[in-house]
C-alpha atoms as a PDB file:
ATOM      1  CA  MET A   1       7.855  15.597  19.902  1.00  0.00           C
ATOM      2  CA  GLY A   2       9.116  15.288  16.315  1.00  0.00           C
ATOM      3  CA  THR A   3       9.022  11.485  16.348  1.00  0.00           C
ATOM      4  CA  ASN A   4       5.346  11.328  17.312  1.00  0.00           C
ATOM      5  CA  GLN A   5       4.433  13.880  14.637  1.00  0.00           C
ATOM      6  CA  THR A   6       6.529  11.994  12.092  1.00  0.00           C
ATOM      7  CA  GLN A   7       4.677   8.776  12.897  1.00  0.00           C
ATOM      8  CA  THR A   8       1.374  10.618  12.572  1.00  0.00           C
ATOM      9  CA  LYS A   9       2.455  11.988   9.198  1.00  0.00           C
ATOM     10  CA  ILE A  10       3.417   8.509   7.969  1.00  0.00           C
ATOM     11  CA  ARG A  11       0.084   7.086   9.135  1.00  0.00           C
ATOM     12  CA  LEU A  12      -1.819   9.910   7.430  1.00  0.00           C
ATOM     13  CA  HIS A  13       0.122   9.265   4.212  1.00  0.00           C
ATOM     14  CA  ASP A  14      -0.711   5.562   4.332  1.00  0.00           C
ATOM     15  CA  ALA A  15      -4.383   6.322   5.024  1.00  0.00           C
ATOM     16  CA  ILE A  16      -4.656   8.826   2.160  1.00  0.00           C
ATOM     17  CA  VAL A  17      -2.970   6.495  -0.328  1.00  0.00           C
ATOM     18  CA  GLY A  18      -5.102   3.566   0.838  1.00  0.00           C
ATOM     19  CA  ILE A  19      -8.266   5.624   0.450  1.00  0.00           C
ATOM     20  CA  LEU A  20      -7.206   6.632  -3.074  1.00  0.00           C
ATOM     21  CA  TYR A  21      -6.660   2.983  -3.998  1.00  0.00           C
ATOM     22  CA  GLY A  22      -9.930   1.844  -2.456  1.00  0.00           C
ATOM     23  CA  VAL A  23     -12.096   4.602  -3.921  1.00  0.00           C
ATOM     24  CA  SER A  24     -10.521   4.133  -7.346  1.00  0.00           C
ATOM     25  CA  VAL A  25     -11.223   0.395  -7.369  1.00  0.00           C
ATOM     26  CA  ILE A  26     -14.788   0.861  -6.094  1.00  0.00           C
ATOM     27  CA  LEU A  27     -15.451   3.489  -8.768  1.00  0.00           C
ATOM     28  CA  ALA A  28     -13.944   1.217 -11.436  1.00  0.00           C
ATOM     29  CA  VAL A  29     -16.278  -1.610 -10.447  1.00  0.00           C
ATOM     30  CA  THR A  30     -19.415   0.513 -10.081  1.00  0.00           C
ATOM     31  CA  VAL A  31     -18.994   3.392 -12.561  1.00  0.00           C
ATOM     32  CA  ASN A  32     -16.359   2.956 -15.238  1.00  0.00           C
ATOM     33  CA  MET A  33     -13.189   0.888 -15.630  1.00  0.00           C
ATOM     34  CA  GLN A  34     -11.255   4.039 -16.544  1.00  0.00           C
ATOM     35  CA  TRP A  35     -11.082   4.897 -12.832  1.00  0.00           C
ATOM     36  CA  LEU A  36      -8.279   2.318 -12.685  1.00  0.00           C
ATOM     37  CA  TYR A  37      -6.039   4.982 -14.239  1.00  0.00           C
ATOM     38  CA  VAL A  38      -6.097   6.697 -10.833  1.00  0.00           C
ATOM     39  CA  THR A  39      -4.890   3.447  -9.246  1.00  0.00           C
ATOM     40  CA  GLY A  40      -2.122   3.216 -11.830  1.00  0.00           C
ATOM     41  CA  ALA A  41      -1.063   6.825 -11.277  1.00  0.00           C
ATOM     42  CA  VAL A  42      -0.879   6.375  -7.505  1.00  0.00           C
ATOM     43  CA  ALA A  43       1.120   3.159  -7.954  1.00  0.00           C
ATOM     44  CA  LEU A  44       3.501   4.861 -10.388  1.00  0.00           C
ATOM     45  CA  LEU A  45       4.051   7.733  -7.953  1.00  0.00           C
ATOM     46  CA  GLN A  46       4.777   5.253  -5.154  1.00  0.00           C
ATOM     47  CA  ILE A  47       7.306   3.433  -7.336  1.00  0.00           C
ATOM     48  CA  ILE A  48       9.211   6.537  -8.468  1.00  0.00           C
ATOM     49  CA  SER A  49       9.032   8.560  -5.228  1.00  0.00           C
ATOM     50  CA  PRO A  50      12.027   6.813  -3.561  1.00  0.00           C
ATOM     51  CA  MET A  51      14.165   7.716  -6.588  1.00  0.00           C
ATOM     52  CA  THR A  52      12.934  11.299  -6.983  1.00  0.00           C
ATOM     53  CA  LYS A  53      12.473  11.894  -3.240  1.00  0.00           C
ATOM     54  CA  PHE A  54       9.188  13.656  -4.035  1.00  0.00           C
ATOM     55  CA  CYS A  55       5.719  12.538  -3.039  1.00  0.00           C
ATOM     56  CA  PRO A  56       2.703  14.814  -3.585  1.00  0.00           C
ATOM     57  CA  VAL A  57       0.962  13.531  -0.439  1.00  0.00           C
ATOM     58  CA  TYR A  58       4.033  14.185   1.730  1.00  0.00           C
ATOM     59  CA  PHE A  59       4.427  17.583   0.040  1.00  0.00           C
ATOM     60  CA  ILE A  60       0.943  18.559   1.218  1.00  0.00           C
ATOM     61  CA  LEU A  61       1.400  17.001   4.671  1.00  0.00           C
ATOM     62  CA  ASN A  62       4.740  18.813   5.103  1.00  0.00           C
ATOM     63  CA  LYS A  63       2.957  22.115   4.405  1.00  0.00           C
ATOM     64  CA  MET A  64       0.069  21.264   6.750  1.00  0.00           C
ATOM     65  CA  MET A  65       2.359  20.093   9.577  1.00  0.00           C
ATOM     66  CA  PRO A  66       5.290  22.565   9.565  1.00  0.00           C
ATOM     67  CA  ASP A  67       6.363  21.693  13.137  1.00  0.00           C
ATOM     68  CA  SER A  68       7.248  18.114  12.168  1.00  0.00           C
ATOM     69  CA  ASP A  69      10.296  16.823  10.333  1.00  0.00           C
ATOM     70  CA  PRO A  70       9.834  16.992   6.543  1.00  0.00           C
ATOM     71  CA  ILE A  71       9.555  13.636   4.778  1.00  0.00           C
ATOM     72  CA  GLN A  72      10.503  13.172   1.106  1.00  0.00           C
ATOM     73  CA  ASN A  73      10.753  16.898   0.485  1.00  0.00           C
ATOM     74  CA  GLY A  74      13.007  16.480  -2.542  1.00  0.00           C
ATOM     75  CA  LYS A  75      16.312  16.760  -0.673  1.00  0.00           C
END
């Protein structure tokens, strides 16, 4: 049971991060180039999260899915 929920959590994380990248780039092209700061922030968080073992998206998903194994919960 935990493995399936863990896979679901990983897929949700990837989807959320991908949506953030895509929306940020679309907004940068159509609205204002400053939307690329969102892309940079997401990239920076992805780069430092393996070292800090903290990811805001996993933090939220861990709270929303308490029955699954926690991923990158800072431990």
